[in-house]
Amino acid sequence: MGIRHTEEAKRLDTIHFSSIPWYNFTGLTHARHFQFKDSIPKISFGKYSKKEGKLNLPIAINLHHGLADGYHIGQYLEEFQKLLNA
């Protein structure tokens, strides 16, 4: 179905996830329209690669510091890693 520009897409209780499986990246930014109040977290995944027998998956996380901080991002990434390991 994909992202649609509807009233539902403007909800504040969402997280925007995206994937760019063709590219490996070390950083990623998201376009913003600063006249629109936006504190929705944006999480993007890139192309995974294998190095020294380990899989690597680039993840970019953009969110407003008033919503969460590094501690919360760390909790998310730890849980995500546990799920990948399972």
PDB file of N, CA and C in Angstrom:
ATOM      1  N   MET A   1       0.820  -1.186   0.000  1.00  0.00           N
ATOM      2  CA  MET A   1       0.000   0.000   0.000  1.00  0.00           C
ATOM      3  C   MET A   1       0.870   1.258   0.000  1.00  0.00           C
ATOM      4  N   GLY A   2       1.923   1.312   0.798  1.00  0.00           N
ATOM      5  CA  GLY A   2       2.830   2.446   0.777  1.00  0.00           C
ATOM      6  C   GLY A   2       2.317   3.638   1.566  1.00  0.00           C
ATOM      7  N   ILE A   3       3.133   4.674   1.596  1.00  0.00           N
ATOM      8  CA  ILE A   3       2.768   5.893   2.310  1.00  0.00           C
ATOM      9  C   ILE A   3       1.794   6.696   1.454  1.00  0.00           C
ATOM     10  N   ARG A   4       0.757   7.160   2.067  1.00  0.00           N
ATOM     11  CA  ARG A   4      -0.245   7.968   1.370  1.00  0.00           C
ATOM     12  C   ARG A   4      -0.375   9.305   2.079  1.00  0.00           C
ATOM     13  N   HIS A   5      -0.604  10.344   1.340  1.00  0.00           N
ATOM     14  CA  HIS A   5      -0.808  11.673   1.915  1.00  0.00           C
ATOM     15  C   HIS A   5      -2.282  11.842   2.255  1.00  0.00           C
ATOM     16  N   THR A   6      -2.647  11.263   3.390  1.00  0.00           N
ATOM     17  CA  THR A   6      -4.016  11.340   3.861  1.00  0.00           C
ATOM     18  C   THR A   6      -4.002  11.906   5.272  1.00  0.00           C
ATOM     19  N   GLU A   7      -5.160  12.149   5.810  1.00  0.00           N
ATOM     20  CA  GLU A   7      -5.246  12.616   7.192  1.00  0.00           C
ATOM     21  C   GLU A   7      -4.652  11.591   8.150  1.00  0.00           C
ATOM     22  N   GLU A   8      -4.817  10.316   7.829  1.00  0.00           N
ATOM     23  CA  GLU A   8      -4.265   9.245   8.673  1.00  0.00           C
ATOM     24  C   GLU A   8      -2.738   9.334   8.732  1.00  0.00           C
ATOM     25  N   ALA A   9      -2.104   9.733   7.634  1.00  0.00           N
ATOM     26  CA  ALA A   9      -0.650   9.839   7.587  1.00  0.00           C
ATOM     27  C   ALA A   9      -0.124  10.985   8.446  1.00  0.00           C
ATOM     28  N   LYS A  10      -0.974  11.905   8.830  1.00  0.00           N
ATOM     29  CA  LYS A  10      -0.566  13.055   9.643  1.00  0.00           C
ATOM     30  C   LYS A  10      -0.628  12.766  11.138  1.00  0.00           C
ATOM     31  N   ARG A  11      -1.041  11.548  11.513  1.00  0.00           N
ATOM     32  CA  ARG A  11      -1.144  11.211  12.926  1.00  0.00           C
ATOM     33  C   ARG A  11       0.193  11.405  13.618  1.00  0.00           C
ATOM     34  N   LEU A  12       0.157  11.851  14.857  1.00  0.00           N
ATOM     35  CA  LEU A  12       1.377  12.085  15.607  1.00  0.00           C
ATOM     36  C   LEU A  12       1.882  10.837  16.325  1.00  0.00           C
ATOM     37  N   ASP A  13       1.068   9.802  16.408  1.00  0.00           N
ATOM     38  CA  ASP A  13       1.475   8.584  17.108  1.00  0.00           C
ATOM     39  C   ASP A  13       1.972   7.526  16.126  1.00  0.00           C
ATOM     40  N   THR A  14       2.855   7.928  15.225  1.00  0.00           N
ATOM     41  CA  THR A  14       3.381   7.018  14.219  1.00  0.00           C
ATOM     42  C   THR A  14       4.904   7.053  14.220  1.00  0.00           C
ATOM     43  N   ILE A  15       5.492   6.104  13.571  1.00  0.00           N
ATOM     44  CA  ILE A  15       6.919   6.090  13.277  1.00  0.00           C
ATOM     45  C   ILE A  15       7.036   5.841  11.783  1.00  0.00           C
ATOM     46  N   HIS A  16       7.833   6.627  11.106  1.00  0.00           N
ATOM     47  CA  HIS A  16       8.048   6.425   9.675  1.00  0.00           C
ATOM     48  C   HIS A  16       9.249   5.508   9.486  1.00  0.00           C
ATOM     49  N   PHE A  17       9.016   4.334   8.909  1.00  0.00           N
ATOM     50  CA  PHE A  17      10.076   3.400   8.569  1.00  0.00           C
ATOM     51  C   PHE A  17      10.270   3.418   7.064  1.00  0.00           C
ATOM     52  N   SER A  18      11.519   3.326   6.637  1.00  0.00           N
ATOM     53  CA  SER A  18      11.797   3.214   5.211  1.00  0.00           C
ATOM     54  C   SER A  18      12.992   2.290   5.024  1.00  0.00           C
ATOM     55  N   SER A  19      13.134   1.790   3.824  1.00  0.00           N
ATOM     56  CA  SER A  19      14.230   0.892   3.513  1.00  0.00           C
ATOM     57  C   SER A  19      14.819   1.277   2.165  1.00  0.00           C
ATOM     58  N   ILE A  20      16.126   1.279   2.113  1.00  0.00           N
ATOM     59  CA  ILE A  20      16.843   1.534   0.868  1.00  0.00           C
ATOM     60  C   ILE A  20      17.783   0.333   0.684  1.00  0.00           C
ATOM     61  N   PRO A  21      17.234  -0.823   0.324  1.00  0.00           N
ATOM     62  CA  PRO A  21      18.029  -2.057   0.333  1.00  0.00           C
ATOM     63  C   PRO A  21      19.094  -2.139  -0.761  1.00  0.00           C
ATOM     64  N   TRP A  22      19.176  -1.175  -1.614  1.00  0.00           N
ATOM     65  CA  TRP A  22      20.166  -1.169  -2.695  1.00  0.00           C
ATOM     66  C   TRP A  22      21.447  -0.449  -2.303  1.00  0.00           C
ATOM     67  N   TYR A  23      21.421   0.305  -1.177  1.00  0.00           N
ATOM     68  CA  TYR A  23      22.563   1.147  -0.820  1.00  0.00           C
ATOM     69  C   TYR A  23      23.009   0.908   0.616  1.00  0.00           C
ATOM     70  N   ASN A  24      24.315   0.881   0.778  1.00  0.00           N
ATOM     71  CA  ASN A  24      24.905   0.855   2.098  1.00  0.00           C
ATOM     72  C   ASN A  24      25.243   2.308   2.435  1.00  0.00           C
ATOM     73  N   PHE A  25      24.962   2.740   3.615  1.00  0.00           N
ATOM     74  CA  PHE A  25      25.254   4.125   3.969  1.00  0.00           C
ATOM     75  C   PHE A  25      25.852   4.207   5.363  1.00  0.00           C
ATOM     76  N   THR A  26      26.508   5.332   5.631  1.00  0.00           N
ATOM     77  CA  THR A  26      27.039   5.588   6.970  1.00  0.00           C
ATOM     78  C   THR A  26      26.291   6.728   7.645  1.00  0.00           C
ATOM     79  N   GLY A  27      25.427   7.370   6.908  1.00  0.00           N
ATOM     80  CA  GLY A  27      24.598   8.438   7.452  1.00  0.00           C
ATOM     81  C   GLY A  27      23.490   8.760   6.482  1.00  0.00           C
ATOM     82  N   LEU A  28      22.390   9.249   7.017  1.00  0.00           N
ATOM     83  CA  LEU A  28      21.224   9.546   6.183  1.00  0.00           C
ATOM     84  C   LEU A  28      20.427  10.644   6.861  1.00  0.00           C
ATOM     85  N   THR A  29      19.974  11.595   6.093  1.00  0.00           N
ATOM     86  CA  THR A  29      19.086  12.621   6.622  1.00  0.00           C
ATOM     87  C   THR A  29      17.778  12.571   5.849  1.00  0.00           C
ATOM     88  N   HIS A  30      16.743  13.099   6.459  1.00  0.00           N
ATOM     89  CA  HIS A  30      15.427  13.105   5.846  1.00  0.00           C
ATOM     90  C   HIS A  30      15.017  14.545   5.547  1.00  0.00           C
ATOM     91  N   ALA A  31      14.399  14.730   4.406  1.00  0.00           N
ATOM     92  CA  ALA A  31      13.890  16.051   4.049  1.00  0.00           C
ATOM     93  C   ALA A  31      12.810  16.457   5.048  1.00  0.00           C
ATOM     94  N   ARG A  32      12.780  17.731   5.385  1.00  0.00           N
ATOM     95  CA  ARG A  32      11.779  18.227   6.328  1.00  0.00           C
ATOM     96  C   ARG A  32      11.182  19.514   5.802  1.00  0.00           C
ATOM     97  N   HIS A  33       9.958  19.718   6.138  1.00  0.00           N
ATOM     98  CA  HIS A  33       9.275  20.979   5.865  1.00  0.00           C
ATOM     99  C   HIS A  33       9.095  21.638   7.225  1.00  0.00           C
ATOM    100  N   PHE A  34       9.913  22.643   7.521  1.00  0.00           N
ATOM    101  CA  PHE A  34       9.970  23.194   8.870  1.00  0.00           C
ATOM    102  C   PHE A  34       8.734  23.981   9.274  1.00  0.00           C
ATOM    103  N   GLN A  35       7.852  24.288   8.339  1.00  0.00           N
ATOM    104  CA  GLN A  35       6.606  24.963   8.706  1.00  0.00           C
ATOM    105  C   GLN A  35       5.587  23.964   9.253  1.00  0.00           C
ATOM    106  N   PHE A  36       5.842  22.666   9.024  1.00  0.00           N
ATOM    107  CA  PHE A  36       4.965  21.618   9.534  1.00  0.00           C
ATOM    108  C   PHE A  36       5.589  21.067  10.805  1.00  0.00           C
ATOM    109  N   LYS A  37       4.866  21.135  11.911  1.00  0.00           N
ATOM    110  CA  LYS A  37       5.380  20.635  13.177  1.00  0.00           C
ATOM    111  C   LYS A  37       5.475  19.116  13.103  1.00  0.00           C
ATOM    112  N   ASP A  38       6.688  18.625  13.243  1.00  0.00           N
ATOM    113  CA  ASP A  38       6.939  17.209  13.032  1.00  0.00           C
ATOM    114  C   ASP A  38       7.919  16.693  14.081  1.00  0.00           C
ATOM    115  N   SER A  39       7.460  15.802  14.920  1.00  0.00           N
ATOM    116  CA  SER A  39       8.366  15.129  15.852  1.00  0.00           C
ATOM    117  C   SER A  39       8.264  13.615  15.669  1.00  0.00           C
ATOM    118  N   ILE A  40       7.824  13.187  14.503  1.00  0.00           N
ATOM    119  CA  ILE A  40       7.661  11.766  14.216  1.00  0.00           C
ATOM    120  C   ILE A  40       9.036  11.134  13.979  1.00  0.00           C
ATOM    121  N   PRO A  41       9.373  10.069  14.710  1.00  0.00           N
ATOM    122  CA  PRO A  41      10.650   9.390  14.473  1.00  0.00           C
ATOM    123  C   PRO A  41      10.703   8.802  13.066  1.00  0.00           C
ATOM    124  N   LYS A  42      11.891   8.847  12.491  1.00  0.00           N
ATOM    125  CA  LYS A  42      12.113   8.301  11.159  1.00  0.00           C
ATOM    126  C   LYS A  42      13.271   7.313  11.248  1.00  0.00           C
ATOM    127  N   ILE A  43      13.015   6.065  10.865  1.00  0.00           N
ATOM    128  CA  ILE A  43      14.021   5.008  10.933  1.00  0.00           C
ATOM    129  C   ILE A  43      14.172   4.420   9.542  1.00  0.00           C
ATOM    130  N   SER A  44      15.416   4.399   9.051  1.00  0.00           N
ATOM    131  CA  SER A  44      15.686   3.880   7.702  1.00  0.00           C
ATOM    132  C   SER A  44      16.745   2.790   7.771  1.00  0.00           C
ATOM    133  N   PHE A  45      16.527   1.755   6.972  1.00  0.00           N
ATOM    134  CA  PHE A  45      17.450   0.634   6.883  1.00  0.00           C
ATOM    135  C   PHE A  45      18.077   0.635   5.499  1.00  0.00           C
ATOM    136  N   GLY A  46      19.347   0.272   5.420  1.00  0.00           N
ATOM    137  CA  GLY A  46      20.044   0.216   4.140  1.00  0.00           C
ATOM    138  C   GLY A  46      20.369  -1.204   3.733  1.00  0.00           C
ATOM    139  N   LYS A  47      21.290  -1.328   2.792  1.00  0.00           N
ATOM    140  CA  LYS A  47      21.700  -2.628   2.255  1.00  0.00           C
ATOM    141  C   LYS A  47      22.606  -3.329   3.267  1.00  0.00           C
ATOM    142  N   TYR A  48      22.274  -4.569   3.570  1.00  0.00           N
ATOM    143  CA  TYR A  48      23.127  -5.296   4.491  1.00  0.00           C
ATOM    144  C   TYR A  48      24.346  -5.827   3.750  1.00  0.00           C
ATOM    145  N   SER A  49      25.417  -6.037   4.492  1.00  0.00           N
ATOM    146  CA  SER A  49      26.640  -6.581   3.921  1.00  0.00           C
ATOM    147  C   SER A  49      27.233  -7.571   4.912  1.00  0.00           C
ATOM    148  N   LYS A  50      28.155  -8.375   4.437  1.00  0.00           N
ATOM    149  CA  LYS A  50      28.808  -9.361   5.289  1.00  0.00           C
ATOM    150  C   LYS A  50      30.288  -9.005   5.351  1.00  0.00           C
ATOM    151  N   LYS A  51      30.806  -8.920   6.585  1.00  0.00           N
ATOM    152  CA  LYS A  51      32.214  -8.583   6.781  1.00  0.00           C
ATOM    153  C   LYS A  51      32.740  -9.434   7.925  1.00  0.00           C
ATOM    154  N   GLU A  52      33.812 -10.152   7.658  1.00  0.00           N
ATOM    155  CA  GLU A  52      34.444 -11.015   8.663  1.00  0.00           C
ATOM    156  C   GLU A  52      33.434 -11.969   9.297  1.00  0.00           C
ATOM    157  N   GLY A  53      32.539 -12.517   8.476  1.00  0.00           N
ATOM    158  CA  GLY A  53      31.567 -13.486   8.953  1.00  0.00           C
ATOM    159  C   GLY A  53      30.372 -12.894   9.689  1.00  0.00           C
ATOM    160  N   LYS A  54      30.293 -11.574   9.771  1.00  0.00           N
ATOM    161  CA  LYS A  54      29.172 -10.934  10.462  1.00  0.00           C
ATOM    162  C   LYS A  54      28.347 -10.125   9.470  1.00  0.00           C
ATOM    163  N   LEU A  55      27.030 -10.146   9.678  1.00  0.00           N
ATOM    164  CA  LEU A  55      26.147  -9.322   8.856  1.00  0.00           C
ATOM    165  C   LEU A  55      26.066  -7.925   9.450  1.00  0.00           C
ATOM    166  N   ASN A  56      26.125  -6.934   8.600  1.00  0.00           N
ATOM    167  CA  ASN A  56      26.007  -5.540   9.010  1.00  0.00           C
ATOM    168  C   ASN A  56      24.810  -4.925   8.305  1.00  0.00           C
ATOM    169  N   LEU A  57      24.025  -4.172   9.051  1.00  0.00           N
ATOM    170  CA  LEU A  57      22.846  -3.511   8.506  1.00  0.00           C
ATOM    171  C   LEU A  57      22.883  -2.043   8.915  1.00  0.00           C
ATOM    172  N   PRO A  58      23.035  -1.131   7.948  1.00  0.00           N
ATOM    173  CA  PRO A  58      23.014   0.279   8.314  1.00  0.00           C
ATOM    174  C   PRO A  58      21.609   0.713   8.734  1.00  0.00           C
ATOM    175  N   ILE A  59      21.552   1.451   9.827  1.00  0.00           N
ATOM    176  CA  ILE A  59      20.289   1.979  10.343  1.00  0.00           C
ATOM    177  C   ILE A  59      20.497   3.449  10.659  1.00  0.00           C
ATOM    178  N   ALA A  60      19.618   4.291  10.131  1.00  0.00           N
ATOM    179  CA  ALA A  60      19.630   5.720  10.451  1.00  0.00           C
ATOM    180  C   ALA A  60      18.369   6.026  11.255  1.00  0.00           C
ATOM    181  N   ILE A  61      18.556   6.689  12.381  1.00  0.00           N
ATOM    182  CA  ILE A  61      17.425   7.050  13.237  1.00  0.00           C
ATOM    183  C   ILE A  61      17.440   8.554  13.431  1.00  0.00           C
ATOM    184  N   ASN A  62      16.351   9.191  13.044  1.00  0.00           N
ATOM    185  CA  ASN A  62      16.189  10.631  13.242  1.00  0.00           C
ATOM    186  C   ASN A  62      14.963  10.865  14.103  1.00  0.00           C
ATOM    187  N   LEU A  63      15.166  11.534  15.229  1.00  0.00           N
ATOM    188  CA  LEU A  63      14.024  11.872  16.064  1.00  0.00           C
ATOM    189  C   LEU A  63      14.334  13.100  16.886  1.00  0.00           C
ATOM    190  N   HIS A  64      13.291  13.736  17.341  1.00  0.00           N
ATOM    191  CA  HIS A  64      13.409  14.954  18.132  1.00  0.00           C
ATOM    192  C   HIS A  64      13.864  14.595  19.538  1.00  0.00           C
ATOM    193  N   HIS A  65      14.864  15.311  20.039  1.00  0.00           N
ATOM    194  CA  HIS A  65      15.413  15.018  21.365  1.00  0.00           C
ATOM    195  C   HIS A  65      14.371  15.188  22.476  1.00  0.00           C
ATOM    196  N   GLY A  66      13.365  16.002  22.234  1.00  0.00           N
ATOM    197  CA  GLY A  66      12.299  16.153  23.220  1.00  0.00           C
ATOM    198  C   GLY A  66      11.423  14.917  23.318  1.00  0.00           C
ATOM    199  N   LEU A  67      11.506  14.042  22.336  1.00  0.00           N
ATOM    200  CA  LEU A  67      10.720  12.815  22.302  1.00  0.00           C
ATOM    201  C   LEU A  67      11.483  11.654  22.945  1.00  0.00           C
ATOM    202  N   ALA A  68      12.761  11.560  22.673  1.00  0.00           N
ATOM    203  CA  ALA A  68      13.598  10.482  23.206  1.00  0.00           C
ATOM    204  C   ALA A  68      15.052  10.935  23.144  1.00  0.00           C
ATOM    205  N   ASP A  69      15.909  10.205  23.831  1.00  0.00           N
ATOM    206  CA  ASP A  69      17.332  10.546  23.768  1.00  0.00           C
ATOM    207  C   ASP A  69      18.148   9.293  23.456  1.00  0.00           C
ATOM    208  N   GLY A  70      19.451   9.402  23.551  1.00  0.00           N
ATOM    209  CA  GLY A  70      20.336   8.294  23.206  1.00  0.00           C
ATOM    210  C   GLY A  70      20.060   7.032  24.003  1.00  0.00           C
ATOM    211  N   TYR A  71      19.649   7.183  25.244  1.00  0.00           N
ATOM    212  CA  TYR A  71      19.321   6.027  26.075  1.00  0.00           C
ATOM    213  C   TYR A  71      18.205   5.206  25.438  1.00  0.00           C
ATOM    214  N   HIS A  72      17.156   5.880  24.987  1.00  0.00           N
ATOM    215  CA  HIS A  72      16.015   5.192  24.375  1.00  0.00           C
ATOM    216  C   HIS A  72      16.395   4.557  23.033  1.00  0.00           C
ATOM    217  N   ILE A  73      17.225   5.243  22.271  1.00  0.00           N
ATOM    218  CA  ILE A  73      17.689   4.674  21.005  1.00  0.00           C
ATOM    219  C   ILE A  73      18.508   3.418  21.285  1.00  0.00           C
ATOM    220  N   GLY A  74      19.343   3.476  22.318  1.00  0.00           N
ATOM    221  CA  GLY A  74      20.127   2.310  22.709  1.00  0.00           C
ATOM    222  C   GLY A  74      19.244   1.133  23.085  1.00  0.00           C
ATOM    223  N   GLN A  75      18.171   1.397  23.827  1.00  0.00           N
ATOM    224  CA  GLN A  75      17.227   0.329  24.190  1.00  0.00           C
ATOM    225  C   GLN A  75      16.596  -0.283  22.942  1.00  0.00           C
ATOM    226  N   TYR A  76      16.193   0.564  22.008  1.00  0.00           N
ATOM    227  CA  TYR A  76      15.589   0.082  20.753  1.00  0.00           C
ATOM    228  C   TYR A  76      16.577  -0.802  20.002  1.00  0.00           C
ATOM    229  N   LEU A  77      17.820  -0.335  19.857  1.00  0.00           N
ATOM    230  CA  LEU A  77      18.802  -1.091  19.087  1.00  0.00           C
ATOM    231  C   LEU A  77      19.174  -2.398  19.771  1.00  0.00           C
ATOM    232  N   GLU A  78      19.240  -2.418  21.096  1.00  0.00           N
ATOM    233  CA  GLU A  78      19.509  -3.669  21.811  1.00  0.00           C
ATOM    234  C   GLU A  78      18.395  -4.683  21.572  1.00  0.00           C
ATOM    235  N   GLU A  79      17.151  -4.242  21.647  1.00  0.00           N
ATOM    236  CA  GLU A  79      16.025  -5.147  21.419  1.00  0.00           C
ATOM    237  C   GLU A  79      16.002  -5.614  19.953  1.00  0.00           C
ATOM    238  N   PHE A  80      16.281  -4.702  19.047  1.00  0.00           N
ATOM    239  CA  PHE A  80      16.315  -5.057  17.624  1.00  0.00           C
ATOM    240  C   PHE A  80      17.387  -6.117  17.383  1.00  0.00           C
ATOM    241  N   GLN A  81      18.562  -5.961  17.992  1.00  0.00           N
ATOM    242  CA  GLN A  81      19.644  -6.936  17.835  1.00  0.00           C
ATOM    243  C   GLN A  81      19.242  -8.287  18.417  1.00  0.00           C
ATOM    244  N   LYS A  82      18.572  -8.292  19.564  1.00  0.00           N
ATOM    245  CA  LYS A  82      18.100  -9.555  20.153  1.00  0.00           C
ATOM    246  C   LYS A  82      17.147 -10.278  19.202  1.00  0.00           C
ATOM    247  N   LEU A  83      16.265  -9.522  18.579  1.00  0.00           N
ATOM    248  CA  LEU A  83      15.321 -10.130  17.629  1.00  0.00           C
ATOM    249  C   LEU A  83      16.046 -10.681  16.395  1.00  0.00           C
ATOM    250  N   LEU A  84      17.064  -9.967  15.929  1.00  0.00           N
ATOM    251  CA  LEU A  84      17.829 -10.461  14.781  1.00  0.00           C
ATOM    252  C   LEU A  84      18.587 -11.730  15.145  1.00  0.00           C
ATOM    253  N   ASN A  85      19.078 -11.819  16.377  1.00  0.00           N
ATOM    254  CA  ASN A  85      19.849 -12.978  16.803  1.00  0.00           C
ATOM    255  C   ASN A  85      18.975 -14.205  17.014  1.00  0.00           C
ATOM    256  N   ALA A  86      17.686 -14.002  17.284  1.00  0.00           N
ATOM    257  CA  ALA A  86      16.790 -15.122  17.604  1.00  0.00           C
ATOM    258  C   ALA A  86      16.448 -15.954  16.376  1.00  0.00           C
TER     259      ALA A  86
END
